[in-house]
Amino acid sequence: MDKKQKLELTWIGKDEQPRLEPRILIEDPERSYWDKNSRQYHPDFVAETKDNIYLIETKKEGDIETSDVQEKAIAAIKYCNYATEFTTQNSGKPWKYILIPHNAVQANMSFEALTRKYEAVN
């Protein structure tokens, strides 16, 4: 990779409750934004397992195929690829993206089952 990058954990506020957000900061702005470099993408959840780190987005099932959601998914997959490149070069875990329809999240559904069914191919 010809551009410098670093992993940063940033506290951000959302609904007056700050949370920790992992970000890969890349000097190349085309890799940091989506929608023609004009909008930053913030996933619903970040989860870490023994083997991976997941960016997780839940959406209403009827909205999953909309252009806005699909553009965000493309940006998130790119982000996961860049993050994986950085973390694996630094003894870290690969990043994966999951877009889950809201009605698929059920009390009897395990995270492992959801990842198998909905994990995007990066």
Protein backbone atom coordinates (compact mmCIF):
# COMPACT_ATOMS: atom_id res chain seq x y z
CA MET A 1 0.00 0.00 0.00
CA ASP A 2 1.50 3.31 -1.03
CA LYS A 3 -0.36 5.60 1.39
CA LYS A 4 0.20 5.83 5.13
CA GLN A 5 -2.59 4.69 7.40
CA LYS A 6 -3.14 4.13 11.07
CA LEU A 7 -5.72 2.57 13.30
CA GLU A 8 -7.39 4.95 15.70
CA LEU A 9 -10.12 4.52 18.30
CA THR A 10 -12.19 7.67 18.47
CA TRP A 11 -14.87 8.65 20.98
CA ILE A 12 -17.89 10.01 19.16
CA GLY A 13 -21.18 11.29 20.48
CA LYS A 14 -24.48 9.91 19.31
CA ASP A 15 -27.72 10.77 21.06
CA GLU A 16 -25.66 12.34 23.86
CA GLN A 17 -24.10 8.96 24.69
CA PRO A 18 -20.50 8.85 23.50
CA ARG A 19 -19.16 5.56 22.24
CA LEU A 20 -15.84 4.25 21.09
CA GLU A 21 -15.56 3.91 17.35
CA PRO A 22 -12.69 2.18 15.56
CA ARG A 23 -11.57 3.97 12.45
CA ILE A 24 -8.86 3.37 9.95
CA LEU A 25 -7.55 6.78 9.06
CA ILE A 26 -6.07 6.77 5.60
CA GLU A 27 -4.38 9.71 3.94
CA ASP A 28 -6.10 8.86 0.66
CA PRO A 29 -9.57 10.45 1.11
CA GLU A 30 -11.13 8.14 -1.48
CA ARG A 31 -10.61 5.30 0.97
CA SER A 32 -12.07 7.10 3.99
CA TYR A 33 -15.49 8.12 2.67
CA TRP A 34 -18.35 6.93 0.50
CA ASP A 35 -20.76 8.77 -1.80
CA LYS A 36 -18.12 10.63 -3.81
CA ASN A 37 -16.03 11.30 -0.70
CA SER A 38 -18.75 13.44 0.84
CA ARG A 39 -20.18 11.23 3.60
CA GLN A 40 -18.59 9.20 6.37
CA TYR A 41 -20.06 5.80 7.14
CA HIS A 42 -20.79 4.75 10.73
CA PRO A 43 -21.88 1.12 11.25
CA ASP A 44 -24.55 0.08 13.75
CA PHE A 45 -22.25 -2.33 15.59
CA VAL A 46 -18.66 -3.48 15.76
CA ALA A 47 -18.15 -6.95 17.26
CA GLU A 48 -14.96 -8.87 17.90
CA THR A 49 -14.77 -12.65 18.01
CA LYS A 50 -11.83 -14.97 18.51
CA ASP A 51 -10.99 -14.87 14.80
CA ASN A 52 -12.47 -11.68 13.30
CA ILE A 53 -13.71 -8.15 13.82
CA TYR A 54 -17.13 -7.48 12.30
CA LEU A 55 -18.80 -4.31 11.05
CA ILE A 56 -22.49 -5.05 11.42
CA GLU A 57 -25.34 -3.16 9.85
CA THR A 58 -28.99 -4.02 10.43
CA LYS A 59 -31.60 -2.68 8.06
CA LYS A 60 -35.29 -3.11 7.42
CA GLU A 61 -35.57 -6.03 5.02
CA GLY A 62 -37.33 -3.91 2.39
CA ASP A 63 -34.54 -1.32 2.46
CA ILE A 64 -31.60 -3.65 1.88
CA GLU A 65 -31.70 -3.37 -1.91
CA THR A 66 -32.00 0.43 -1.96
CA SER A 67 -29.14 2.32 -3.56
CA ASP A 68 -28.27 4.12 -0.32
CA VAL A 69 -27.89 0.87 1.64
CA GLN A 70 -26.00 -0.84 -1.18
CA GLU A 71 -23.60 2.11 -1.55
CA LYS A 72 -22.92 1.99 2.19
CA ALA A 73 -22.34 -1.77 1.96
CA ILE A 74 -19.79 -1.28 -0.81
CA ALA A 75 -18.02 1.39 1.26
CA ALA A 76 -18.09 -0.85 4.35
CA ILE A 77 -16.62 -3.79 2.44
CA LYS A 78 -13.83 -1.54 1.13
CA TYR A 79 -13.23 -0.30 4.66
CA CYS A 80 -13.00 -3.89 5.92
CA ASN A 81 -10.49 -4.70 3.20
CA TYR A 82 -8.30 -1.70 4.12
CA ALA A 83 -8.66 -2.42 7.84
CA THR A 84 -7.75 -6.08 7.27
CA GLU A 85 -4.70 -5.08 5.28
CA PHE A 86 -3.55 -2.92 8.19
CA THR A 87 -4.45 -5.23 11.06
CA THR A 88 -3.05 -8.40 9.51
CA GLN A 89 0.25 -6.62 8.85
CA ASN A 90 0.29 -5.73 12.55
CA SER A 91 -0.65 -9.10 14.08
CA GLY A 92 -4.37 -8.26 14.16
CA LYS A 93 -7.55 -9.92 13.01
CA PRO A 94 -9.29 -9.60 9.66
CA TRP A 95 -12.37 -7.38 9.39
CA LYS A 96 -15.65 -8.64 7.93
CA TYR A 97 -18.87 -6.86 6.96
CA ILE A 98 -22.35 -8.17 7.69
CA LEU A 99 -25.61 -6.63 6.45
CA ILE A 100 -28.46 -8.27 8.36
CA PRO A 101 -32.18 -7.81 7.70
CA HIS A 102 -33.79 -6.62 10.92
CA ASN A 103 -36.28 -9.49 10.99
CA ALA A 104 -33.48 -12.08 10.86
CA VAL A 105 -32.34 -11.13 14.34
CA GLN A 106 -34.27 -13.55 16.53
CA ALA A 107 -33.82 -14.76 20.10
CA ASN A 108 -32.99 -18.26 18.86
CA MET A 109 -30.44 -17.09 16.26
CA SER A 110 -26.77 -17.19 17.25
CA PHE A 111 -24.21 -14.64 16.10
CA GLU A 112 -22.32 -17.46 14.43
CA ALA A 113 -25.40 -18.43 12.42
CA LEU A 114 -25.99 -14.82 11.38
CA THR A 115 -22.39 -14.43 10.25
CA ARG A 116 -22.53 -17.62 8.20
CA LYS A 117 -25.74 -16.52 6.51
CA TYR A 118 -25.10 -12.81 5.95
CA GLU A 119 -21.35 -12.19 5.91
CA ALA A 120 -20.34 -10.33 2.77
CA VAL A 121 -17.57 -11.71 0.63
CA ASN A 122 -14.83 -9.11 0.96
